[in-house]
N, C-alpha and C. Protein backbone atom coordinates (compact mmCIF):
# COMPACT_ATOMS: atom_id res chain seq x y z
N UNK A 1 4.11 11.13 -2.62
CA UNK A 1 3.63 11.72 -1.40
C UNK A 1 4.68 11.47 -0.31
N UNK A 2 5.03 12.52 0.41
CA UNK A 2 5.97 12.34 1.52
C UNK A 2 5.20 12.21 2.83
N UNK A 3 5.90 11.91 3.91
CA UNK A 3 5.21 11.66 5.18
C UNK A 3 4.53 12.91 5.73
N UNK A 4 5.08 14.10 5.46
CA UNK A 4 4.43 15.33 5.96
C UNK A 4 3.07 15.53 5.30
N UNK A 5 3.01 15.33 3.98
CA UNK A 5 1.72 15.43 3.28
C UNK A 5 0.75 14.36 3.79
N UNK A 6 1.27 13.15 3.98
CA UNK A 6 0.44 12.05 4.45
C UNK A 6 -0.13 12.35 5.84
N UNK A 7 0.69 12.93 6.70
CA UNK A 7 0.23 13.27 8.05
C UNK A 7 -0.93 14.25 7.99
N UNK A 8 -0.81 15.28 7.16
CA UNK A 8 -1.89 16.26 7.05
C UNK A 8 -3.18 15.61 6.54
N UNK A 9 -3.07 14.82 5.48
CA UNK A 9 -4.24 14.15 4.92
C UNK A 9 -4.85 13.20 5.95
N UNK A 10 -3.99 12.47 6.65
CA UNK A 10 -4.47 11.50 7.64
C UNK A 10 -5.14 12.19 8.82
N UNK A 11 -4.56 13.29 9.29
CA UNK A 11 -5.18 14.05 10.39
C UNK A 11 -6.58 14.53 9.99
N UNK A 12 -6.69 15.07 8.78
CA UNK A 12 -8.00 15.55 8.29
C UNK A 12 -9.00 14.40 8.18
N UNK A 13 -8.52 13.25 7.68
CA UNK A 13 -9.38 12.07 7.56
C UNK A 13 -9.89 11.63 8.93
N UNK A 14 -8.96 11.51 9.89
CA UNK A 14 -9.35 11.07 11.23
C UNK A 14 -10.34 12.04 11.87
N UNK A 15 -10.07 13.32 11.70
CA UNK A 15 -10.97 14.34 12.26
C UNK A 15 -12.37 14.21 11.67
N UNK A 16 -12.46 13.95 10.37
CA UNK A 16 -13.77 13.80 9.71
C UNK A 16 -14.53 12.58 10.25
N UNK A 17 -13.80 11.61 10.79
CA UNK A 17 -14.40 10.40 11.37
C UNK A 17 -14.60 10.51 12.88
N UNK A 18 -14.22 11.67 13.44
CA UNK A 18 -14.34 11.86 14.88
C UNK A 18 -13.28 11.10 15.66
N UNK A 19 -12.14 10.84 15.03
CA UNK A 19 -11.06 10.09 15.67
C UNK A 19 -9.86 11.01 15.90
N UNK A 20 -8.99 10.60 16.81
CA UNK A 20 -7.82 11.39 17.14
C UNK A 20 -6.57 10.88 16.42
N UNK A 21 -5.67 11.80 16.17
CA UNK A 21 -4.35 11.45 15.62
C UNK A 21 -3.46 11.18 16.82
N UNK A 22 -3.28 9.90 17.14
CA UNK A 22 -2.57 9.50 18.34
C UNK A 22 -1.11 9.19 18.04
N UNK A 23 -0.32 9.07 19.10
CA UNK A 23 1.09 8.74 18.93
C UNK A 23 1.28 7.37 18.26
N UNK A 24 0.53 6.32 18.65
CA UNK A 24 0.70 5.04 17.95
C UNK A 24 0.38 5.15 16.46
N UNK A 25 -0.64 5.90 16.09
CA UNK A 25 -0.96 6.08 14.66
C UNK A 25 0.18 6.80 13.95
N UNK A 26 0.75 7.79 14.59
CA UNK A 26 1.86 8.52 13.98
C UNK A 26 3.07 7.60 13.79
N UNK A 27 3.34 6.78 14.77
CA UNK A 27 4.48 5.85 14.68
C UNK A 27 4.29 4.89 13.51
N UNK A 28 3.10 4.32 13.38
CA UNK A 28 2.83 3.39 12.28
C UNK A 28 2.95 4.12 10.94
N UNK A 29 2.40 5.32 10.84
CA UNK A 29 2.48 6.08 9.60
C UNK A 29 3.93 6.33 9.22
N UNK A 30 4.73 6.78 10.16
CA UNK A 30 6.14 7.08 9.84
C UNK A 30 6.90 5.82 9.47
N UNK A 31 6.63 4.71 10.13
CA UNK A 31 7.29 3.45 9.78
C UNK A 31 6.87 2.99 8.38
N UNK A 32 5.58 3.11 8.08
CA UNK A 32 5.08 2.71 6.76
C UNK A 32 5.71 3.55 5.66
N UNK A 33 5.86 4.84 5.90
CA UNK A 33 6.43 5.72 4.87
C UNK A 33 7.95 5.62 4.77
N UNK A 34 8.58 5.05 5.79
CA UNK A 34 10.03 4.87 5.70
C UNK A 34 10.38 3.52 5.07
N UNK A 35 9.40 2.63 4.96
CA UNK A 35 9.64 1.30 4.36
C UNK A 35 9.84 1.44 2.86
N UNK A 36 10.86 0.80 2.35
CA UNK A 36 11.13 0.79 0.91
C UNK A 36 10.83 -0.57 0.31
N UNK A 37 9.79 -1.22 0.81
CA UNK A 37 9.43 -2.54 0.37
C UNK A 37 7.93 -2.70 0.53
N UNK A 38 7.38 -3.74 -0.07
CA UNK A 38 5.96 -4.06 0.06
C UNK A 38 5.82 -4.90 1.32
N UNK A 39 5.08 -4.40 2.29
CA UNK A 39 5.02 -5.06 3.60
C UNK A 39 3.61 -5.45 3.97
N UNK A 40 3.50 -6.53 4.73
CA UNK A 40 2.22 -6.90 5.33
C UNK A 40 2.18 -6.27 6.72
N UNK A 41 1.02 -6.29 7.33
CA UNK A 41 0.89 -5.75 8.68
C UNK A 41 1.80 -6.51 9.65
N UNK A 42 1.85 -7.83 9.49
CA UNK A 42 2.71 -8.63 10.38
C UNK A 42 4.18 -8.31 10.17
N UNK A 43 4.59 -8.13 8.91
CA UNK A 43 5.99 -7.81 8.62
C UNK A 43 6.37 -6.45 9.19
N UNK A 44 5.47 -5.48 9.08
CA UNK A 44 5.76 -4.16 9.63
C UNK A 44 5.82 -4.21 11.14
N UNK A 45 4.92 -4.97 11.76
CA UNK A 45 4.93 -5.13 13.21
C UNK A 45 6.25 -5.75 13.66
N UNK A 46 6.68 -6.81 12.99
CA UNK A 46 7.95 -7.47 13.34
C UNK A 46 9.12 -6.51 13.19
N UNK A 47 9.14 -5.76 12.10
CA UNK A 47 10.22 -4.79 11.87
C UNK A 47 10.23 -3.74 12.99
N UNK A 48 9.07 -3.28 13.38
CA UNK A 48 8.99 -2.28 14.44
C UNK A 48 9.50 -2.86 15.76
N UNK A 49 9.13 -4.09 16.07
CA UNK A 49 9.61 -4.73 17.30
C UNK A 49 11.14 -4.88 17.27
N UNK A 50 11.69 -5.26 16.10
CA UNK A 50 13.14 -5.37 15.97
C UNK A 50 13.83 -4.02 16.20
N UNK A 51 13.14 -2.94 15.84
CA UNK A 51 13.68 -1.58 16.02
C UNK A 51 13.39 -1.02 17.42
N UNK A 52 12.85 -1.87 18.30
CA UNK A 52 12.60 -1.45 19.68
C UNK A 52 11.31 -0.68 19.87
N UNK A 53 10.42 -0.70 18.89
CA UNK A 53 9.13 -0.02 19.02
C UNK A 53 8.11 -1.03 19.51
N UNK A 54 7.59 -0.80 20.70
CA UNK A 54 6.63 -1.71 21.30
C UNK A 54 5.21 -1.27 20.93
N UNK A 55 4.62 -1.97 19.98
CA UNK A 55 3.29 -1.62 19.49
C UNK A 55 2.54 -2.91 19.21
N UNK A 56 1.24 -2.91 19.46
CA UNK A 56 0.48 -4.14 19.27
C UNK A 56 0.19 -4.40 17.80
N UNK A 57 0.08 -5.66 17.50
CA UNK A 57 -0.25 -6.10 16.15
C UNK A 57 -1.61 -5.54 15.73
N UNK A 58 -2.58 -5.54 16.64
CA UNK A 58 -3.92 -5.02 16.34
C UNK A 58 -3.88 -3.54 15.98
N UNK A 59 -3.05 -2.78 16.68
CA UNK A 59 -2.92 -1.35 16.37
C UNK A 59 -2.37 -1.16 14.97
N UNK A 60 -1.38 -1.95 14.60
CA UNK A 60 -0.79 -1.85 13.27
C UNK A 60 -1.83 -2.20 12.21
N UNK A 61 -2.56 -3.31 12.41
CA UNK A 61 -3.59 -3.71 11.45
C UNK A 61 -4.64 -2.61 11.27
N UNK A 62 -5.16 -2.09 12.37
CA UNK A 62 -6.21 -1.06 12.30
C UNK A 62 -5.70 0.22 11.66
N UNK A 63 -4.48 0.60 12.02
CA UNK A 63 -3.92 1.85 11.50
C UNK A 63 -3.65 1.75 10.00
N UNK A 64 -3.09 0.64 9.56
CA UNK A 64 -2.84 0.46 8.12
C UNK A 64 -4.16 0.49 7.34
N UNK A 65 -5.18 -0.16 7.88
CA UNK A 65 -6.49 -0.18 7.20
C UNK A 65 -7.07 1.24 7.10
N UNK A 66 -6.93 2.02 8.16
CA UNK A 66 -7.47 3.39 8.12
C UNK A 66 -6.63 4.29 7.22
N UNK A 67 -5.32 4.03 7.14
CA UNK A 67 -4.46 4.81 6.24
C UNK A 67 -4.83 4.51 4.78
N UNK A 68 -5.15 3.26 4.49
CA UNK A 68 -5.60 2.91 3.14
C UNK A 68 -6.92 3.61 2.85
N UNK A 69 -7.84 3.57 3.79
CA UNK A 69 -9.13 4.24 3.61
C UNK A 69 -8.96 5.74 3.40
N UNK A 70 -7.97 6.32 4.06
CA UNK A 70 -7.69 7.76 3.92
C UNK A 70 -7.04 8.08 2.58
N UNK A 71 -6.57 7.05 1.87
CA UNK A 71 -5.97 7.26 0.56
C UNK A 71 -4.49 7.58 0.59
N UNK A 72 -3.83 7.34 1.72
CA UNK A 72 -2.40 7.65 1.81
C UNK A 72 -1.53 6.40 1.73
N UNK A 73 -2.14 5.24 1.61
CA UNK A 73 -1.42 3.99 1.53
C UNK A 73 -2.09 3.11 0.48
N UNK A 74 -1.31 2.45 -0.33
CA UNK A 74 -1.84 1.53 -1.33
C UNK A 74 -1.77 0.11 -0.79
N UNK A 75 -2.72 -0.71 -1.19
CA UNK A 75 -2.66 -2.13 -0.81
C UNK A 75 -2.69 -2.98 -2.07
N UNK A 76 -2.02 -4.13 -1.98
CA UNK A 76 -1.91 -5.04 -3.11
C UNK A 76 -2.05 -6.47 -2.59
N UNK A 77 -2.78 -7.28 -3.31
CA UNK A 77 -2.89 -8.70 -2.97
C UNK A 77 -2.05 -9.48 -3.97
N UNK A 78 -0.95 -10.04 -3.50
CA UNK A 78 -0.06 -10.82 -4.36
C UNK A 78 -0.42 -12.31 -4.37
N UNK A 79 -1.52 -12.65 -3.71
CA UNK A 79 -1.93 -14.05 -3.65
C UNK A 79 -1.18 -14.85 -2.61
N UNK A 80 -0.60 -14.17 -1.63
CA UNK A 80 0.15 -14.86 -0.57
C UNK A 80 -0.71 -15.11 0.68
N UNK A 81 -2.00 -14.82 0.60
CA UNK A 81 -2.88 -15.05 1.73
C UNK A 81 -3.00 -13.86 2.67
N UNK A 82 -2.38 -12.75 2.34
CA UNK A 82 -2.50 -11.53 3.13
C UNK A 82 -2.25 -10.32 2.24
N UNK A 83 -2.63 -9.18 2.73
CA UNK A 83 -2.49 -7.94 1.97
C UNK A 83 -1.11 -7.34 2.22
N UNK A 84 -0.53 -6.79 1.17
CA UNK A 84 0.72 -6.04 1.28
C UNK A 84 0.40 -4.56 1.06
N UNK A 85 1.19 -3.71 1.68
CA UNK A 85 0.99 -2.27 1.58
C UNK A 85 2.26 -1.62 1.03
N UNK A 86 2.07 -0.43 0.49
CA UNK A 86 3.19 0.40 0.09
C UNK A 86 2.75 1.85 0.15
N UNK A 87 3.68 2.69 0.54
CA UNK A 87 3.42 4.13 0.54
C UNK A 87 3.65 4.64 -0.87
N UNK A 88 2.72 5.43 -1.41
CA UNK A 88 2.92 5.95 -2.77
C UNK A 88 4.02 7.01 -2.78
N UNK A 89 5.18 6.64 -3.26
CA UNK A 89 6.34 7.55 -3.26
C UNK A 89 6.29 8.52 -4.44
N UNK A 90 5.68 8.09 -5.55
CA UNK A 90 5.59 8.94 -6.74
C UNK A 90 4.16 8.88 -7.25
N UNK A 91 3.84 9.76 -8.16
CA UNK A 91 2.51 9.75 -8.78
C UNK A 91 2.45 8.78 -9.95
N UNK A 92 3.59 8.23 -10.34
CA UNK A 92 3.64 7.33 -11.48
C UNK A 92 3.00 5.99 -11.11
N UNK A 93 2.04 5.57 -11.91
CA UNK A 93 1.35 4.31 -11.65
C UNK A 93 2.24 3.14 -12.08
N UNK A 94 2.20 2.08 -11.31
CA UNK A 94 2.95 0.89 -11.65
C UNK A 94 2.17 -0.35 -11.23
N UNK A 95 2.53 -1.45 -11.81
CA UNK A 95 1.93 -2.73 -11.46
C UNK A 95 2.99 -3.58 -10.78
N UNK A 96 2.57 -4.74 -10.30
CA UNK A 96 3.49 -5.65 -9.64
C UNK A 96 3.41 -7.01 -10.31
N UNK A 97 4.53 -7.69 -10.36
CA UNK A 97 4.57 -9.07 -10.84
C UNK A 97 5.23 -9.88 -9.74
N UNK A 98 4.60 -11.01 -9.38
CA UNK A 98 5.14 -11.81 -8.28
C UNK A 98 5.39 -13.24 -8.73
N UNK A 99 6.41 -13.83 -8.10
CA UNK A 99 6.77 -15.21 -8.40
C UNK A 99 5.85 -16.15 -7.62
N UNK A 100 5.26 -17.10 -8.32
CA UNK A 100 4.35 -18.06 -7.70
C UNK A 100 5.07 -19.05 -6.79
N UNK A 101 6.39 -19.18 -6.95
CA UNK A 101 7.14 -20.14 -6.14
C UNK A 101 7.78 -19.50 -4.92
N UNK A 102 8.57 -18.45 -5.12
CA UNK A 102 9.33 -17.88 -4.00
C UNK A 102 8.70 -16.60 -3.42
N UNK A 103 7.73 -16.02 -4.13
CA UNK A 103 7.06 -14.84 -3.63
C UNK A 103 7.74 -13.52 -3.94
N UNK A 104 8.84 -13.55 -4.68
CA UNK A 104 9.53 -12.32 -5.06
C UNK A 104 8.56 -11.40 -5.80
N UNK A 105 8.62 -10.10 -5.47
CA UNK A 105 7.75 -9.12 -6.10
C UNK A 105 8.60 -8.06 -6.78
N UNK A 106 8.26 -7.74 -8.03
CA UNK A 106 8.94 -6.68 -8.77
C UNK A 106 7.89 -5.67 -9.25
N UNK A 107 8.29 -4.42 -9.27
CA UNK A 107 7.43 -3.38 -9.82
C UNK A 107 7.71 -3.26 -11.31
N UNK A 108 6.64 -3.12 -12.10
CA UNK A 108 6.79 -2.95 -13.54
C UNK A 108 5.88 -1.82 -14.00
N UNK A 109 6.26 -1.16 -15.06
CA UNK A 109 5.43 -0.14 -15.68
C UNK A 109 4.95 -0.68 -17.02
N UNK A 110 3.64 -0.74 -17.17
CA UNK A 110 3.05 -1.23 -18.41
C UNK A 110 2.65 0.01 -19.22
N UNK A 111 3.33 0.19 -20.33
CA UNK A 111 3.13 1.38 -21.15
C UNK A 111 1.67 1.49 -21.62
N UNK A 112 1.11 2.67 -21.44
CA UNK A 112 -0.24 3.02 -21.91
C UNK A 112 -1.37 2.26 -21.21
N UNK A 113 -1.09 1.54 -20.12
CA UNK A 113 -2.15 0.78 -19.44
C UNK A 113 -3.23 1.71 -18.89
N UNK A 114 -2.83 2.75 -18.18
CA UNK A 114 -3.80 3.68 -17.60
C UNK A 114 -4.64 4.34 -18.70
N UNK A 115 -3.98 4.76 -19.77
CA UNK A 115 -4.69 5.38 -20.88
C UNK A 115 -5.70 4.41 -21.49
N UNK A 116 -5.32 3.17 -21.68
CA UNK A 116 -6.20 2.15 -22.26
C UNK A 116 -7.40 1.89 -21.35
N UNK A 117 -7.15 1.75 -20.06
CA UNK A 117 -8.25 1.49 -19.12
C UNK A 117 -9.19 2.68 -19.06
N UNK A 118 -8.66 3.89 -18.98
CA UNK A 118 -9.51 5.08 -18.93
C UNK A 118 -10.33 5.23 -20.20
N UNK A 119 -9.75 4.91 -21.34
CA UNK A 119 -10.46 4.98 -22.61
C UNK A 119 -11.62 3.98 -22.64
N UNK A 120 -11.36 2.76 -22.21
CA UNK A 120 -12.41 1.74 -22.16
C UNK A 120 -13.51 2.14 -21.18
N UNK A 121 -13.13 2.70 -20.05
CA UNK A 121 -14.11 3.13 -19.05
C UNK A 121 -14.98 4.27 -19.58
N UNK A 122 -14.37 5.19 -20.31
CA UNK A 122 -15.11 6.33 -20.86
C UNK A 122 -16.19 5.85 -21.83
N UNK A 123 -15.89 4.81 -22.58
CA UNK A 123 -16.87 4.27 -23.53
C UNK A 123 -18.11 3.74 -22.82
N UNK A 124 -17.94 3.29 -21.59
CA UNK A 124 -19.07 2.78 -20.81
C UNK A 124 -19.56 3.81 -19.80
N UNK A 125 -19.02 5.02 -19.91
CA UNK A 125 -19.41 6.17 -19.07
C UNK A 125 -19.13 5.96 -17.58
N UNK A 126 -17.99 5.34 -17.29
CA UNK A 126 -17.53 5.21 -15.91
C UNK A 126 -16.50 6.30 -15.64
N UNK A 127 -16.47 6.79 -14.40
CA UNK A 127 -15.50 7.81 -14.00
C UNK A 127 -14.82 7.37 -12.71
N UNK A 128 -13.76 8.10 -12.34
CA UNK A 128 -13.01 7.80 -11.10
C UNK A 128 -12.58 6.34 -11.05
N UNK A 129 -11.96 5.90 -12.11
CA UNK A 129 -11.57 4.51 -12.28
C UNK A 129 -10.41 4.15 -11.35
N UNK A 130 -10.58 3.03 -10.66
CA UNK A 130 -9.52 2.44 -9.85
C UNK A 130 -9.36 1.01 -10.35
N UNK A 131 -8.15 0.54 -10.40
CA UNK A 131 -7.95 -0.83 -10.84
C UNK A 131 -6.77 -1.44 -10.12
N UNK A 132 -6.82 -2.77 -10.04
CA UNK A 132 -5.76 -3.54 -9.44
C UNK A 132 -5.58 -4.80 -10.29
N UNK A 133 -4.46 -4.91 -10.91
CA UNK A 133 -4.19 -6.05 -11.78
C UNK A 133 -3.11 -6.89 -11.12
N UNK A 134 -3.38 -8.17 -10.96
CA UNK A 134 -2.41 -9.07 -10.35
C UNK A 134 -1.73 -9.89 -11.45
N UNK A 135 -0.43 -9.74 -11.55
CA UNK A 135 0.35 -10.45 -12.55
C UNK A 135 1.29 -11.39 -11.80
N UNK A 136 1.30 -12.64 -12.19
CA UNK A 136 2.20 -13.59 -11.53
C UNK A 136 2.82 -14.51 -12.56
N UNK A 137 3.88 -15.15 -12.16
CA UNK A 137 4.61 -16.08 -13.02
C UNK A 137 5.69 -16.75 -12.20
N UNK A 138 6.69 -17.25 -12.87
CA UNK A 138 7.81 -17.90 -12.20
C UNK A 138 9.05 -17.07 -12.53
N UNK A 139 9.75 -16.61 -11.49
CA UNK A 139 10.93 -15.76 -11.71
C UNK A 139 12.11 -16.60 -12.25
N UNK A 140 13.12 -15.90 -12.71
CA UNK A 140 14.28 -16.54 -13.32
C UNK A 140 15.00 -17.49 -12.34
N UNK A 141 15.06 -17.10 -11.05
CA UNK A 141 15.73 -17.96 -10.05
C UNK A 141 15.01 -19.28 -9.87
N UNK A 142 13.68 -19.27 -10.01
CA UNK A 142 12.88 -20.47 -9.74
C UNK A 142 12.64 -21.37 -10.95
N UNK A 143 13.08 -20.92 -12.14
CA UNK A 143 12.87 -21.76 -13.33
C UNK A 143 14.00 -22.74 -13.52
């Protein structure tokens, strides 16, 4: 999903909730979609401040939460005590593995995982399956 598609989806979502698509929301959306890393709300706020964008931490937190609710942003809990976000750049599903010592995060593709989960869900007659698997270990640098 690119930022133009995300903007359209987000505008429609906000309208359905009786909310406006404001300049601060647009700024956060564009910053989130330009990030090539897994970021927390605080990390994105800090990055924006470093880039000369004056925006409140509360606005970033609220906007990221509403973008996730709108389905244009993914969230992941790596066990670091806060949520990380990422913009879905491709339709290809991937998992994350994080180091328990240094916090390094890598994206991995687990072959046939989606197919296996969907097959198991079908046996129990579940549909619209969503899943979040947290994989952690110790990276090569920390061993």
